[in-house]
C-alpha atoms as a PDB file:
ATOM      1  CA  UNK A   1      21.638  20.640  -7.181  1.00  0.00           C
ATOM      2  CA  UNK A   2      18.937  19.814  -4.608  1.00  0.00           C
ATOM      3  CA  UNK A   3      16.154  20.075  -7.198  1.00  0.00           C
ATOM      4  CA  UNK A   4      18.026  17.588  -9.429  1.00  0.00           C
ATOM      5  CA  UNK A   5      18.222  15.055  -6.614  1.00  0.00           C
ATOM      6  CA  UNK A   6      14.551  15.553  -5.791  1.00  0.00           C
ATOM      7  CA  UNK A   7      13.572  15.043  -9.430  1.00  0.00           C
ATOM      8  CA  UNK A   8      15.662  11.862  -9.614  1.00  0.00           C
ATOM      9  CA  UNK A   9      14.031  10.544  -6.421  1.00  0.00           C
ATOM     10  CA  UNK A  10      10.531  11.290  -7.720  1.00  0.00           C
ATOM     11  CA  UNK A  11      11.304   9.528 -11.013  1.00  0.00           C
ATOM     12  CA  UNK A  12      12.624   6.493  -9.162  1.00  0.00           C
ATOM     13  CA  UNK A  13       9.473   6.315  -7.028  1.00  0.00           C
ATOM     14  CA  UNK A  14       7.292   6.595 -10.118  1.00  0.00           C
ATOM     15  CA  UNK A  15       8.947   3.616 -11.802  1.00  0.00           C
ATOM     16  CA  UNK A  16       8.891   1.189  -8.900  1.00  0.00           C
ATOM     17  CA  UNK A  17       6.749  -1.925  -9.081  1.00  0.00           C
ATOM     18  CA  UNK A  18       3.787  -2.552  -6.761  1.00  0.00           C
ATOM     19  CA  UNK A  19       4.600  -3.479  -3.154  1.00  0.00           C
ATOM     20  CA  UNK A  20       3.189  -6.980  -3.568  1.00  0.00           C
ATOM     21  CA  UNK A  21       5.137  -7.721  -6.731  1.00  0.00           C
ATOM     22  CA  UNK A  22       8.247  -9.636  -7.685  1.00  0.00           C
ATOM     23  CA  UNK A  23      10.235  -9.240 -10.866  1.00  0.00           C
ATOM     24  CA  UNK A  24      11.600 -12.484 -12.325  1.00  0.00           C
ATOM     25  CA  UNK A  25      13.736 -11.550 -15.305  1.00  0.00           C
ATOM     26  CA  UNK A  26      11.524  -9.249 -17.361  1.00  0.00           C
ATOM     27  CA  UNK A  27       8.247 -10.725 -16.037  1.00  0.00           C
ATOM     28  CA  UNK A  28       6.219  -9.380 -13.120  1.00  0.00           C
ATOM     29  CA  UNK A  29       4.523 -11.636 -10.571  1.00  0.00           C
ATOM     30  CA  UNK A  30       1.911  -9.939  -8.390  1.00  0.00           C
ATOM     31  CA  UNK A  31      -0.991 -10.551  -6.020  1.00  0.00           C
ATOM     32  CA  UNK A  32      -3.635 -12.855  -7.479  1.00  0.00           C
ATOM     33  CA  UNK A  33      -1.329 -14.661  -9.915  1.00  0.00           C
ATOM     34  CA  UNK A  34      -1.655 -18.484  -9.926  1.00  0.00           C
ATOM     35  CA  UNK A  35       1.134 -20.879  -8.881  1.00  0.00           C
ATOM     36  CA  UNK A  36       1.827 -22.198 -12.419  1.00  0.00           C
ATOM     37  CA  UNK A  37       2.475 -18.655 -13.668  1.00  0.00           C
ATOM     38  CA  UNK A  38       4.970 -18.031 -10.848  1.00  0.00           C
ATOM     39  CA  UNK A  39       6.681 -21.349 -11.585  1.00  0.00           C
ATOM     40  CA  UNK A  40       6.899 -20.468 -15.286  1.00  0.00           C
ATOM     41  CA  UNK A  41       8.302 -16.967 -14.696  1.00  0.00           C
ATOM     42  CA  UNK A  42      10.554 -17.561 -11.661  1.00  0.00           C
ATOM     43  CA  UNK A  43      11.476 -21.243 -11.935  1.00  0.00           C
ATOM     44  CA  UNK A  44      11.749 -23.744  -9.102  1.00  0.00           C
ATOM     45  CA  UNK A  45      11.994 -22.305  -5.573  1.00  0.00           C
ATOM     46  CA  UNK A  46      14.874 -23.335  -3.295  1.00  0.00           C
ATOM     47  CA  UNK A  47      12.439 -24.253  -0.498  1.00  0.00           C
ATOM     48  CA  UNK A  48       8.721 -24.833  -0.105  1.00  0.00           C
ATOM     49  CA  UNK A  49       6.376 -25.160   2.840  1.00  0.00           C
ATOM     50  CA  UNK A  50       2.702 -26.177   2.801  1.00  0.00           C
ATOM     51  CA  UNK A  51       0.120 -26.011   5.572  1.00  0.00           C
ATOM     52  CA  UNK A  52      -3.567 -25.424   6.159  1.00  0.00           C
ATOM     53  CA  UNK A  53      -5.035 -22.651   8.237  1.00  0.00           C
ATOM     54  CA  UNK A  54      -8.612 -22.096   9.343  1.00  0.00           C
ATOM     55  CA  UNK A  55     -10.259 -18.700   9.031  1.00  0.00           C
ATOM     56  CA  UNK A  56     -13.485 -17.542  10.540  1.00  0.00           C
ATOM     57  CA  UNK A  57     -16.384 -16.958   8.152  1.00  0.00           C
ATOM     58  CA  UNK A  58     -17.197 -18.063   4.635  1.00  0.00           C
ATOM     59  CA  UNK A  59     -16.388 -15.357   2.084  1.00  0.00           C
ATOM     60  CA  UNK A  60     -19.074 -14.367  -0.412  1.00  0.00           C
ATOM     61  CA  UNK A  61     -18.564 -12.662  -3.722  1.00  0.00           C
ATOM     62  CA  UNK A  62     -17.446  -9.070  -3.531  1.00  0.00           C
ATOM     63  CA  UNK A  63     -20.207  -6.480  -3.173  1.00  0.00           C
ATOM     64  CA  UNK A  64     -20.409  -2.749  -3.596  1.00  0.00           C
ATOM     65  CA  UNK A  65     -22.008  -0.469  -1.048  1.00  0.00           C
ATOM     66  CA  UNK A  66     -24.196   2.489  -1.787  1.00  0.00           C
ATOM     67  CA  UNK A  67     -22.162   5.367  -3.227  1.00  0.00           C
ATOM     68  CA  UNK A  68     -23.798   7.899  -0.896  1.00  0.00           C
ATOM     69  CA  UNK A  69     -22.736   6.082   2.290  1.00  0.00           C
ATOM     70  CA  UNK A  70     -19.023   5.322   1.846  1.00  0.00           C
ATOM     71  CA  UNK A  71     -18.298   5.037  -1.850  1.00  0.00           C
ATOM     72  CA  UNK A  72     -17.511   1.758  -3.508  1.00  0.00           C
ATOM     73  CA  UNK A  73     -15.961  -1.012  -1.420  1.00  0.00           C
ATOM     74  CA  UNK A  74     -14.527  -4.357  -2.455  1.00  0.00           C
ATOM     75  CA  UNK A  75     -14.617  -5.867   1.030  1.00  0.00           C
ATOM     76  CA  UNK A  76     -15.814  -9.429   1.272  1.00  0.00           C
ATOM     77  CA  UNK A  77     -18.814 -10.000   3.487  1.00  0.00           C
ATOM     78  CA  UNK A  78     -19.121 -13.051   5.707  1.00  0.00           C
ATOM     79  CA  UNK A  79     -22.159 -15.287   5.464  1.00  0.00           C
ATOM     80  CA  UNK A  80     -21.926 -16.273   9.107  1.00  0.00           C
ATOM     81  CA  UNK A  81     -19.193 -15.203  11.506  1.00  0.00           C
ATOM     82  CA  UNK A  82     -19.455 -18.571  13.283  1.00  0.00           C
ATOM     83  CA  UNK A  83     -18.546 -20.473  10.123  1.00  0.00           C
ATOM     84  CA  UNK A  84     -15.001 -21.575   9.346  1.00  0.00           C
ATOM     85  CA  UNK A  85     -13.174 -22.095   6.077  1.00  0.00           C
ATOM     86  CA  UNK A  86      -9.908 -23.969   5.481  1.00  0.00           C
ATOM     87  CA  UNK A  87      -7.236 -22.164   3.468  1.00  0.00           C
ATOM     88  CA  UNK A  88      -4.296 -23.985   1.889  1.00  0.00           C
ATOM     89  CA  UNK A  89      -1.112 -21.919   2.362  1.00  0.00           C
ATOM     90  CA  UNK A  90       2.059 -22.528   0.359  1.00  0.00           C
ATOM     91  CA  UNK A  91       5.252 -20.530   0.849  1.00  0.00           C
ATOM     92  CA  UNK A  92       7.967 -20.646  -1.798  1.00  0.00           C
ATOM     93  CA  UNK A  93      11.436 -19.242  -1.077  1.00  0.00           C
ATOM     94  CA  UNK A  94      13.513 -17.872  -3.956  1.00  0.00           C
ATOM     95  CA  UNK A  95      17.260 -17.235  -3.848  1.00  0.00           C
ATOM     96  CA  UNK A  96      18.362 -14.887  -6.628  1.00  0.00           C
ATOM     97  CA  UNK A  97      22.037 -14.863  -5.625  1.00  0.00           C
ATOM     98  CA  UNK A  98      24.268 -12.829  -3.299  1.00  0.00           C
ATOM     99  CA  UNK A  99      23.609  -9.478  -5.022  1.00  0.00           C
ATOM    100  CA  UNK A 100      19.808  -9.674  -4.813  1.00  0.00           C
ATOM    101  CA  UNK A 101      17.297 -10.079  -2.004  1.00  0.00           C
ATOM    102  CA  UNK A 102      15.711 -13.448  -1.347  1.00  0.00           C
ATOM    103  CA  UNK A 103      11.910 -13.527  -1.462  1.00  0.00           C
ATOM    104  CA  UNK A 104       9.135 -15.626   0.029  1.00  0.00           C
ATOM    105  CA  UNK A 105       5.983 -15.847  -2.055  1.00  0.00           C
ATOM    106  CA  UNK A 106       2.927 -16.800  -0.011  1.00  0.00           C
ATOM    107  CA  UNK A 107       0.064 -18.463  -1.853  1.00  0.00           C
ATOM    108  CA  UNK A 108      -3.421 -18.891  -0.445  1.00  0.00           C
ATOM    109  CA  UNK A 109      -5.507 -21.504  -2.259  1.00  0.00           C
ATOM    110  CA  UNK A 110      -3.074 -21.397  -5.179  1.00  0.00           C
ATOM    111  CA  UNK A 111      -2.951 -17.619  -5.708  1.00  0.00           C
ATOM    112  CA  UNK A 112      -0.231 -15.131  -4.710  1.00  0.00           C
ATOM    113  CA  UNK A 113      -1.294 -13.448  -1.471  1.00  0.00           C
ATOM    114  CA  UNK A 114       1.961 -11.806  -0.343  1.00  0.00           C
ATOM    115  CA  UNK A 115       5.606 -11.297  -1.304  1.00  0.00           C
ATOM    116  CA  UNK A 116       8.122 -10.825   1.523  1.00  0.00           C
ATOM    117  CA  UNK A 117      11.713  -9.657   1.154  1.00  0.00           C
ATOM    118  CA  UNK A 118      14.427 -11.427   3.104  1.00  0.00           C
ATOM    119  CA  UNK A 119      18.124 -10.649   3.341  1.00  0.00           C
ATOM    120  CA  UNK A 120      20.574 -11.033   0.476  1.00  0.00           C
ATOM    121  CA  UNK A 121      20.794 -14.432  -1.152  1.00  0.00           C
ATOM    122  CA  UNK A 122      23.731 -16.798  -1.319  1.00  0.00           C
ATOM    123  CA  UNK A 123      25.727 -18.687  -3.902  1.00  0.00           C
ATOM    124  CA  UNK A 124      24.616 -22.206  -4.673  1.00  0.00           C
END
């Protein structure tokens, strides 16, 4: 009996979507997706918020370090740590009804950066 439950739990874990993903119908929205794709798959959000933030440093293209030192890395290097870059942040709130969790999708410069779960939704 215990082994059956363990097998079921392992199967459920194996079929879960990525942590930074949101399923809209049968489509998956995940980190890096553009705003128009999210709008197409998920529809209009119930609320939106837009603001600008300033981050330190100007990101360069991704580089790979020597394999012998630390393996490959996709960290972005900064040109100058005294430089600043403005980032446009949009947050869209989705209400999928009282039986599903609400979600906030955070975009940075038009691309999905984060998906946060809220409490259960509500009826319109």
